[in-house]
Amino acid sequence: MPPIFRYLIASSGENLQDGLVHLAAVYREKSNYLFDCLSRVVTPAATLFVGFFIIGQTAPILRLILQSINSFGGV
């Protein structure tokens, strides 16, 4: 059992329900903060990955189109 869990439950005194509600609020804020930090890191990396994926998929098609245009010009 984490020390903060014991501390928050013990600090509620006789009213266990208030202690659990406070504990839930603390853990909710902590998880929201961690999710916010993680999303700020993952979003730019995912955007770059999708961009490189799109470029990788379209590059061969564009190369084929340019080769076709060049072959028509050489006739």
N, C-alpha and C. Protein backbone atom coordinates (compact mmCIF):
# COMPACT_ATOMS: atom_id res chain seq x y z
N MET A 1 0.84 -1.16 0.00
CA MET A 1 0.00 0.00 0.00
C MET A 1 0.90 1.24 0.00
N PRO A 2 0.71 2.17 -0.95
CA PRO A 2 1.56 3.36 -1.03
C PRO A 2 1.41 4.23 0.22
N PRO A 3 2.49 4.89 0.62
CA PRO A 3 2.44 5.72 1.82
C PRO A 3 1.41 6.86 1.72
N ILE A 4 1.24 7.44 0.55
CA ILE A 4 0.27 8.53 0.42
C ILE A 4 -1.15 8.03 0.63
N PHE A 5 -1.40 6.79 0.25
CA PHE A 5 -2.72 6.19 0.47
C PHE A 5 -3.00 6.11 1.96
N ARG A 6 -2.03 5.58 2.71
CA ARG A 6 -2.20 5.47 4.16
C ARG A 6 -2.34 6.84 4.80
N TYR A 7 -1.54 7.80 4.35
CA TYR A 7 -1.59 9.14 4.93
C TYR A 7 -2.96 9.80 4.70
N LEU A 8 -3.46 9.72 3.49
CA LEU A 8 -4.74 10.37 3.19
C LEU A 8 -5.90 9.71 3.92
N ILE A 9 -5.85 8.40 4.05
CA ILE A 9 -6.91 7.70 4.79
C ILE A 9 -6.81 8.04 6.28
N ALA A 10 -5.59 8.06 6.81
CA ALA A 10 -5.41 8.36 8.23
C ALA A 10 -5.76 9.81 8.55
N SER A 11 -5.53 10.72 7.61
CA SER A 11 -5.81 12.14 7.88
C SER A 11 -7.30 12.44 7.89
N SER A 12 -8.12 11.50 7.40
CA SER A 12 -9.56 11.74 7.40
C SER A 12 -10.17 11.54 8.78
N GLY A 13 -9.43 10.95 9.67
CA GLY A 13 -9.91 10.74 11.04
C GLY A 13 -10.99 9.66 11.09
N GLU A 14 -12.09 9.98 11.73
CA GLU A 14 -13.18 9.02 11.90
C GLU A 14 -14.01 8.83 10.64
N ASN A 15 -14.03 9.84 9.77
CA ASN A 15 -14.89 9.81 8.59
C ASN A 15 -14.13 9.16 7.42
N LEU A 16 -14.28 7.88 7.27
CA LEU A 16 -13.57 7.13 6.23
C LEU A 16 -14.05 7.52 4.83
N GLN A 17 -15.32 7.80 4.70
CA GLN A 17 -15.88 8.14 3.39
C GLN A 17 -15.24 9.42 2.84
N ASP A 18 -15.09 10.45 3.66
CA ASP A 18 -14.45 11.68 3.21
C ASP A 18 -13.00 11.45 2.82
N GLY A 19 -12.33 10.59 3.57
CA GLY A 19 -10.95 10.26 3.24
C GLY A 19 -10.83 9.57 1.90
N LEU A 20 -11.74 8.65 1.61
CA LEU A 20 -11.71 7.96 0.32
C LEU A 20 -12.06 8.91 -0.83
N VAL A 21 -12.99 9.82 -0.59
CA VAL A 21 -13.36 10.80 -1.63
C VAL A 21 -12.16 11.70 -1.92
N HIS A 22 -11.48 12.14 -0.87
CA HIS A 22 -10.30 12.98 -1.05
C HIS A 22 -9.19 12.20 -1.76
N LEU A 23 -9.01 10.95 -1.39
CA LEU A 23 -8.01 10.10 -2.03
C LEU A 23 -8.31 9.93 -3.52
N ALA A 24 -9.58 9.73 -3.85
CA ALA A 24 -9.96 9.59 -5.26
C ALA A 24 -9.67 10.87 -6.02
N ALA A 25 -9.93 12.03 -5.40
CA ALA A 25 -9.66 13.30 -6.07
C ALA A 25 -8.17 13.50 -6.30
N VAL A 26 -7.35 13.12 -5.33
CA VAL A 26 -5.90 13.25 -5.48
C VAL A 26 -5.40 12.36 -6.61
N TYR A 27 -5.84 11.11 -6.63
CA TYR A 27 -5.39 10.19 -7.69
C TYR A 27 -5.94 10.62 -9.06
N ARG A 28 -7.14 11.19 -9.11
CA ARG A 28 -7.69 11.67 -10.37
C ARG A 28 -6.86 12.82 -10.92
N GLU A 29 -6.48 13.77 -10.05
CA GLU A 29 -5.64 14.89 -10.49
C GLU A 29 -4.29 14.39 -10.97
N LYS A 30 -3.74 13.42 -10.26
CA LYS A 30 -2.44 12.87 -10.65
C LYS A 30 -2.51 12.18 -12.01
N SER A 31 -3.56 11.40 -12.22
CA SER A 31 -3.68 10.71 -13.51
C SER A 31 -3.98 11.69 -14.64
N ASN A 32 -4.75 12.72 -14.38
CA ASN A 32 -5.00 13.73 -15.41
C ASN A 32 -3.72 14.45 -15.79
N TYR A 33 -2.89 14.76 -14.79
CA TYR A 33 -1.61 15.42 -15.07
C TYR A 33 -0.71 14.52 -15.90
N LEU A 34 -0.60 13.25 -15.53
CA LEU A 34 0.24 12.32 -16.27
C LEU A 34 -0.26 12.12 -17.70
N PHE A 35 -1.59 12.04 -17.86
CA PHE A 35 -2.16 11.89 -19.20
C PHE A 35 -1.88 13.13 -20.04
N ASP A 36 -1.96 14.31 -19.44
CA ASP A 36 -1.69 15.55 -20.15
C ASP A 36 -0.23 15.60 -20.61
N CYS A 37 0.68 15.22 -19.71
CA CYS A 37 2.11 15.20 -20.07
C CYS A 37 2.37 14.19 -21.20
N LEU A 38 1.78 13.02 -21.08
CA LEU A 38 1.98 11.99 -22.09
C LEU A 38 1.43 12.42 -23.44
N SER A 39 0.26 13.04 -23.44
CA SER A 39 -0.33 13.46 -24.71
C SER A 39 0.48 14.58 -25.35
N ARG A 40 1.11 15.43 -24.56
CA ARG A 40 1.95 16.49 -25.12
C ARG A 40 3.23 15.94 -25.74
N VAL A 41 3.64 14.78 -25.32
CA VAL A 41 4.83 14.14 -25.89
C VAL A 41 4.46 13.30 -27.11
N VAL A 42 3.38 12.55 -27.00
CA VAL A 42 3.02 11.60 -28.04
C VAL A 42 2.44 12.28 -29.28
N THR A 43 1.69 13.36 -29.11
CA THR A 43 1.02 13.99 -30.24
C THR A 43 2.00 14.47 -31.32
N PRO A 44 3.06 15.21 -30.99
CA PRO A 44 3.99 15.61 -32.06
C PRO A 44 4.68 14.41 -32.72
N ALA A 45 5.04 13.41 -31.92
CA ALA A 45 5.70 12.24 -32.49
C ALA A 45 4.76 11.49 -33.42
N ALA A 46 3.50 11.36 -33.03
CA ALA A 46 2.53 10.68 -33.89
C ALA A 46 2.28 11.47 -35.17
N THR A 47 2.25 12.78 -35.07
CA THR A 47 2.06 13.63 -36.25
C THR A 47 3.21 13.45 -37.23
N LEU A 48 4.43 13.44 -36.72
CA LEU A 48 5.59 13.21 -37.59
C LEU A 48 5.54 11.83 -38.24
N PHE A 49 5.16 10.82 -37.46
CA PHE A 49 5.07 9.47 -37.99
C PHE A 49 4.05 9.40 -39.13
N VAL A 50 2.88 9.99 -38.93
CA VAL A 50 1.85 9.97 -39.97
C VAL A 50 2.32 10.73 -41.20
N GLY A 51 3.00 11.86 -41.00
CA GLY A 51 3.52 12.63 -42.13
C GLY A 51 4.53 11.83 -42.94
N PHE A 52 5.48 11.19 -42.26
CA PHE A 52 6.47 10.38 -42.98
C PHE A 52 5.81 9.18 -43.66
N PHE A 53 4.79 8.62 -43.04
CA PHE A 53 4.07 7.50 -43.64
C PHE A 53 3.38 7.94 -44.93
N ILE A 54 2.75 9.09 -44.91
CA ILE A 54 2.07 9.60 -46.12
C ILE A 54 3.08 9.90 -47.21
N ILE A 55 4.20 10.51 -46.85
CA ILE A 55 5.24 10.79 -47.85
C ILE A 55 5.79 9.49 -48.43
N GLY A 56 6.00 8.50 -47.57
CA GLY A 56 6.50 7.21 -48.04
C GLY A 56 5.53 6.50 -48.97
N GLN A 57 4.24 6.68 -48.76
CA GLN A 57 3.25 6.05 -49.62
C GLN A 57 3.08 6.78 -50.95
N THR A 58 3.23 8.10 -50.95
CA THR A 58 3.00 8.87 -52.18
C THR A 58 4.25 9.03 -53.03
N ALA A 59 5.44 8.88 -52.48
CA ALA A 59 6.67 9.09 -53.24
C ALA A 59 6.79 8.14 -54.44
N PRO A 60 6.54 6.84 -54.31
CA PRO A 60 6.65 5.98 -55.49
C PRO A 60 5.63 6.33 -56.59
N ILE A 61 4.44 6.73 -56.19
CA ILE A 61 3.43 7.10 -57.18
C ILE A 61 3.86 8.36 -57.92
N LEU A 62 4.35 9.35 -57.18
CA LEU A 62 4.81 10.57 -57.82
C LEU A 62 6.00 10.31 -58.74
N ARG A 63 6.90 9.42 -58.32
CA ARG A 63 8.04 9.07 -59.17
C ARG A 63 7.56 8.41 -60.45
N LEU A 64 6.57 7.53 -60.38
CA LEU A 64 6.01 6.88 -61.55
C LEU A 64 5.35 7.89 -62.49
N ILE A 65 4.60 8.82 -61.93
CA ILE A 65 3.96 9.86 -62.74
C ILE A 65 5.00 10.73 -63.43
N LEU A 66 6.05 11.13 -62.72
CA LEU A 66 7.09 11.96 -63.32
C LEU A 66 7.84 11.19 -64.42
N GLN A 67 8.08 9.92 -64.24
CA GLN A 67 8.74 9.12 -65.28
C GLN A 67 7.86 9.02 -66.52
N SER A 68 6.55 8.89 -66.32
CA SER A 68 5.63 8.82 -67.45
C SER A 68 5.61 10.13 -68.21
N ILE A 69 5.61 11.25 -67.48
CA ILE A 69 5.62 12.56 -68.14
C ILE A 69 6.91 12.75 -68.91
N ASN A 70 8.02 12.35 -68.33
CA ASN A 70 9.32 12.48 -69.02
C ASN A 70 9.37 11.59 -70.26
N SER A 71 8.78 10.41 -70.20
CA SER A 71 8.82 9.52 -71.38
C SER A 71 7.95 10.08 -72.51
N PHE A 72 6.86 10.76 -72.19
CA PHE A 72 6.05 11.38 -73.24
C PHE A 72 6.78 12.57 -73.86
N GLY A 73 7.57 13.26 -73.08
CA GLY A 73 8.30 14.42 -73.60
C GLY A 73 9.44 14.01 -74.52
N GLY A 74 9.96 12.83 -74.35
CA GLY A 74 11.08 12.38 -75.15
C GLY A 74 10.70 11.79 -76.49
N VAL A 75 9.41 11.65 -76.75
CA VAL A 75 8.95 11.02 -77.99
C VAL A 75 9.14 11.90 -79.15
